[in-house]
Amino acid sequence: MLSTKKELVFIILAGVFITNAVVAELIGGKLIQIGPFVMSIGILPWPIVFLTTDLINEYFGQKGVKKLSFITAGLIAYAFIILFLALTIPAAKGISPVNDEQFQAVFGQSMWIIVGSIIAFMVSQLIDISVFWFFKNRTGDKMIWLRTTGSTVISQLFDSFIVLGIAFWLPGKINFDTFISSALIGYVFKLTIAIALTPLIYLGHSLIKKYLKQDENTI
């Protein structure tokens, strides 16, 4: 019974993780401005990815997160392939409520964005896993906030600069100053949200632990 519960918990967490990661990549091409700062709208779903990453790390180990990260990266690539095929098929003129130009404007992400998104995702995830377990191996079940926040602080620094650098700065879509300011504001935003979500990490930890009835194989 507990094994079934554990599998259900993993499926739910994995589903939330994959959905938010894929959506973040699909909407990442839109830049928004907050005051004098510019950042990608794709950062909005990432706090949920942080939350689920930490919970999966906690209950299913680094192997579970690594496997899920590689699967998600593959699904992100698959989503972009499907979008590419959808872009090549012309819309029915006079019938389709969305014409080719509108569809292209929304989903016509460049190869740079695709490459940058996948590389940034995998690098940040692998760093997050390594840092998380570095702290967990030294603190045990204590100081959950340290491993969750610490892993995010480091991994998202790389993520913020890699994705904008490859997707926007290298191909010349933004200048260097905009690249630095956008990456920094995106990083600060994600870090702030991650810290604000710390109570939810503890809540999720408590709910899962209670649901599994403290099964020795899940702690």
Protein backbone atom coordinates (compact mmCIF):
# COMPACT_ATOMS: atom_id res chain seq x y z
CA MET A 1 0.00 0.00 0.00
CA LEU A 2 2.75 2.42 0.92
CA SER A 3 4.62 1.52 -2.25
CA THR A 4 1.55 2.50 -4.26
CA LYS A 5 1.29 5.75 -2.31
CA LYS A 6 4.94 6.49 -3.00
CA GLU A 7 4.45 5.89 -6.70
CA LEU A 8 1.41 8.19 -6.70
CA VAL A 9 3.38 10.94 -4.97
CA PHE A 10 6.17 10.63 -7.54
CA ILE A 11 3.72 10.70 -10.46
CA ILE A 12 2.05 13.85 -9.14
CA LEU A 13 5.34 15.63 -8.43
CA ALA A 14 6.79 14.53 -11.79
CA GLY A 15 3.68 15.72 -13.62
CA VAL A 16 3.82 19.15 -11.98
CA PHE A 17 7.58 19.34 -12.61
CA ILE A 18 7.38 18.42 -16.31
CA THR A 19 4.35 20.60 -17.04
CA ASN A 20 5.87 23.75 -15.55
CA ALA A 21 9.30 23.12 -17.13
CA VAL A 22 7.82 22.64 -20.62
CA VAL A 23 5.47 25.62 -20.29
CA ALA A 24 8.35 27.80 -19.09
CA GLU A 25 10.34 26.94 -22.20
CA LEU A 26 7.40 27.50 -24.56
CA ILE A 27 6.67 31.00 -23.26
CA GLY A 28 10.32 31.96 -22.70
CA GLY A 29 10.65 33.91 -25.94
CA LYS A 30 8.57 36.79 -24.59
CA LEU A 31 10.48 39.48 -22.73
CA ILE A 32 8.70 41.66 -20.17
CA GLN A 33 9.77 44.88 -18.51
CA ILE A 34 9.55 45.57 -14.79
CA GLY A 35 10.62 49.14 -14.17
CA PRO A 36 13.98 49.59 -15.91
CA PHE A 37 14.60 45.84 -16.05
CA VAL A 38 13.85 43.31 -18.79
CA MET A 39 13.40 39.60 -18.19
CA SER A 40 11.84 36.55 -19.82
CA ILE A 41 8.23 35.72 -18.96
CA GLY A 42 9.42 32.12 -18.84
CA ILE A 43 10.71 32.59 -15.31
CA LEU A 44 7.16 32.64 -13.90
CA PRO A 45 6.63 28.84 -13.72
CA TRP A 46 10.17 28.13 -12.44
CA PRO A 47 9.46 28.56 -8.72
CA ILE A 48 7.12 25.57 -9.00
CA VAL A 49 9.91 23.62 -10.70
CA PHE A 50 12.19 24.51 -7.75
CA LEU A 51 9.56 23.34 -5.29
CA THR A 52 8.97 19.98 -6.95
CA THR A 53 12.70 19.45 -7.57
CA ASP A 54 13.42 19.80 -3.86
CA LEU A 55 10.57 17.49 -2.84
CA ILE A 56 11.61 14.83 -5.37
CA ASN A 57 15.20 15.19 -4.20
CA GLU A 58 14.08 14.71 -0.61
CA TYR A 59 11.95 11.61 -1.12
CA PHE A 60 13.30 9.95 -4.25
CA GLY A 61 17.00 10.85 -4.22
CA GLN A 62 19.30 12.37 -6.77
CA LYS A 63 18.89 9.45 -9.18
CA GLY A 64 15.16 10.14 -9.33
CA VAL A 65 15.67 13.83 -10.07
CA LYS A 66 18.39 13.16 -12.65
CA LYS A 67 16.22 10.67 -14.54
CA LEU A 68 13.27 13.06 -14.45
CA SER A 69 15.46 15.95 -15.61
CA PHE A 70 16.73 14.01 -18.64
CA ILE A 71 13.19 12.90 -19.46
CA THR A 72 11.98 16.49 -19.20
CA ALA A 73 14.80 17.77 -21.41
CA GLY A 74 13.76 15.17 -23.99
CA LEU A 75 10.13 16.25 -23.73
CA ILE A 76 11.12 19.91 -24.15
CA ALA A 77 13.01 18.96 -27.32
CA TYR A 78 9.99 16.92 -28.46
CA ALA A 79 7.67 19.88 -27.86
CA PHE A 80 9.89 22.10 -30.01
CA ILE A 81 9.91 19.45 -32.78
CA ILE A 82 6.11 19.33 -32.78
CA LEU A 83 5.99 23.14 -32.86
CA PHE A 84 8.43 23.17 -35.78
CA LEU A 85 6.21 20.76 -37.71
CA ALA A 86 3.14 22.83 -36.83
CA LEU A 87 4.89 25.94 -38.17
CA THR A 88 5.65 24.27 -41.50
CA ILE A 89 2.02 23.29 -42.13
CA PRO A 90 0.08 26.26 -43.56
CA ALA A 91 -3.10 27.42 -41.87
CA ALA A 92 -6.42 27.05 -43.69
CA LYS A 93 -6.90 30.48 -45.25
CA GLY A 94 -10.16 32.13 -44.37
CA ILE A 95 -11.04 29.36 -41.94
CA SER A 96 -8.37 29.18 -39.26
CA PRO A 97 -8.89 31.79 -36.50
CA VAL A 98 -5.09 31.98 -36.18
CA ASN A 99 -3.13 32.67 -39.37
CA ASP A 100 0.46 31.65 -40.09
CA GLU A 101 1.91 35.05 -39.18
CA GLN A 102 0.21 35.07 -35.77
CA PHE A 103 1.22 31.49 -35.06
CA GLN A 104 4.79 32.21 -36.13
CA ALA A 105 4.94 35.29 -33.92
CA VAL A 106 3.94 33.30 -30.83
CA PHE A 107 5.63 29.93 -31.37
CA GLY A 108 8.35 30.65 -33.92
CA GLN A 109 11.22 30.35 -31.48
CA SER A 110 14.68 30.37 -32.97
CA MET A 111 17.16 27.52 -32.74
CA TRP A 112 19.22 29.65 -30.35
CA ILE A 113 16.33 29.79 -27.86
CA ILE A 114 15.77 26.04 -28.11
CA VAL A 115 19.45 25.22 -27.59
CA GLY A 116 19.82 27.78 -24.81
CA SER A 117 16.72 26.55 -23.01
CA ILE A 118 17.71 22.90 -23.00
CA ILE A 119 21.37 23.53 -22.06
CA ALA A 120 20.41 25.95 -19.28
CA PHE A 121 17.79 23.54 -17.93
CA MET A 122 20.13 20.55 -17.75
CA VAL A 123 23.11 22.47 -16.36
CA SER A 124 21.02 24.14 -13.65
CA GLN A 125 19.28 20.88 -12.71
CA LEU A 126 22.53 18.93 -12.37
CA ILE A 127 24.06 21.72 -10.29
CA ASP A 128 20.92 21.94 -8.15
CA ILE A 129 21.04 18.20 -7.45
CA SER A 130 24.73 18.24 -6.56
CA VAL A 131 24.43 21.22 -4.20
CA PHE A 132 21.26 19.86 -2.60
CA TRP A 133 22.94 16.58 -1.71
CA PHE A 134 26.14 18.32 -0.63
CA PHE A 135 24.18 20.04 2.13
CA LYS A 136 21.88 17.09 2.88
CA ASN A 137 24.80 14.71 3.40
CA ARG A 138 26.16 17.13 6.00
CA THR A 139 22.94 18.12 7.75
CA GLY A 140 20.82 14.96 7.46
CA ASP A 141 17.13 15.64 7.95
CA LYS A 142 17.80 19.01 9.58
CA MET A 143 18.00 22.47 7.96
CA ILE A 144 15.76 21.76 4.99
CA TRP A 145 15.84 25.48 4.14
CA LEU A 146 19.62 25.37 3.68
CA ARG A 147 19.69 22.68 1.03
CA THR A 148 16.60 23.96 -0.81
CA THR A 149 17.63 27.61 -0.90
CA GLY A 150 21.36 26.90 -1.26
CA SER A 151 20.85 24.69 -4.30
CA THR A 152 18.60 27.31 -5.92
CA VAL A 153 21.00 30.18 -5.23
CA ILE A 154 23.81 28.48 -7.14
CA SER A 155 21.95 26.60 -9.88
CA GLN A 156 19.78 29.54 -10.96
CA LEU A 157 22.77 31.84 -11.26
CA PHE A 158 24.01 29.58 -14.05
CA ASP A 159 20.54 29.10 -15.54
CA SER A 160 19.77 32.82 -15.76
CA PHE A 161 22.97 33.68 -17.62
CA ILE A 162 23.16 30.58 -19.84
CA VAL A 163 19.66 30.78 -21.32
CA LEU A 164 19.76 34.54 -22.02
CA GLY A 165 23.35 34.37 -23.22
CA ILE A 166 22.73 31.64 -25.76
CA ALA A 167 19.18 32.58 -26.77
CA PHE A 168 19.42 36.37 -26.96
CA TRP A 169 22.93 37.79 -26.53
CA LEU A 170 25.01 35.49 -28.78
CA PRO A 171 22.67 35.87 -31.79
CA GLY A 172 22.68 39.64 -31.27
CA LYS A 173 19.03 40.06 -30.22
CA ILE A 174 20.03 42.07 -27.15
CA ASN A 175 23.19 43.99 -26.29
CA PHE A 176 25.59 43.06 -23.50
CA ASP A 177 24.21 45.56 -20.99
CA THR A 178 20.66 44.30 -21.50
CA PHE A 179 21.89 40.72 -21.24
CA ILE A 180 23.57 41.35 -17.88
CA SER A 181 20.71 43.37 -16.42
CA SER A 182 18.07 40.91 -17.66
CA ALA A 183 19.96 37.91 -16.30
CA LEU A 184 20.50 39.59 -12.95
CA ILE A 185 16.91 40.72 -12.52
CA GLY A 186 15.66 37.29 -13.57
CA TYR A 187 18.02 35.67 -11.09
CA VAL A 188 16.97 37.98 -8.26
CA PHE A 189 13.30 37.36 -9.08
CA LYS A 190 13.67 33.58 -9.07
CA LEU A 191 15.77 33.68 -5.92
CA THR A 192 13.25 35.89 -4.13
CA ILE A 193 10.37 33.62 -5.07
CA ALA A 194 12.35 30.52 -4.09
CA ILE A 195 13.00 31.98 -0.64
CA ALA A 196 9.35 32.97 -0.30
CA LEU A 197 8.36 29.38 -1.14
CA THR A 198 10.43 27.95 1.73
CA PRO A 199 7.34 27.53 3.96
CA LEU A 200 5.70 25.56 1.15
CA ILE A 201 8.72 23.24 1.08
CA TYR A 202 8.17 22.49 4.75
CA LEU A 203 4.43 22.11 4.20
CA GLY A 204 4.94 19.77 1.25
CA HIS A 205 7.51 17.80 3.21
CA SER A 206 5.09 17.44 6.11
CA LEU A 207 2.11 16.45 3.94
CA ILE A 208 4.06 13.85 2.00
CA LYS A 209 5.59 12.42 5.15
CA LYS A 210 2.16 12.18 6.75
CA TYR A 211 0.61 10.67 3.60
CA LEU A 212 3.28 7.98 3.43
CA LYS A 213 2.94 7.42 7.19
CA GLN A 214 6.65 7.83 7.65
CA ASP A 215 7.47 4.69 5.68
CA GLU A 216 11.14 3.91 6.30
CA ASN A 217 11.78 3.42 2.59
CA THR A 218 10.70 7.00 1.74
CA ILE A 219 12.68 8.97 4.33
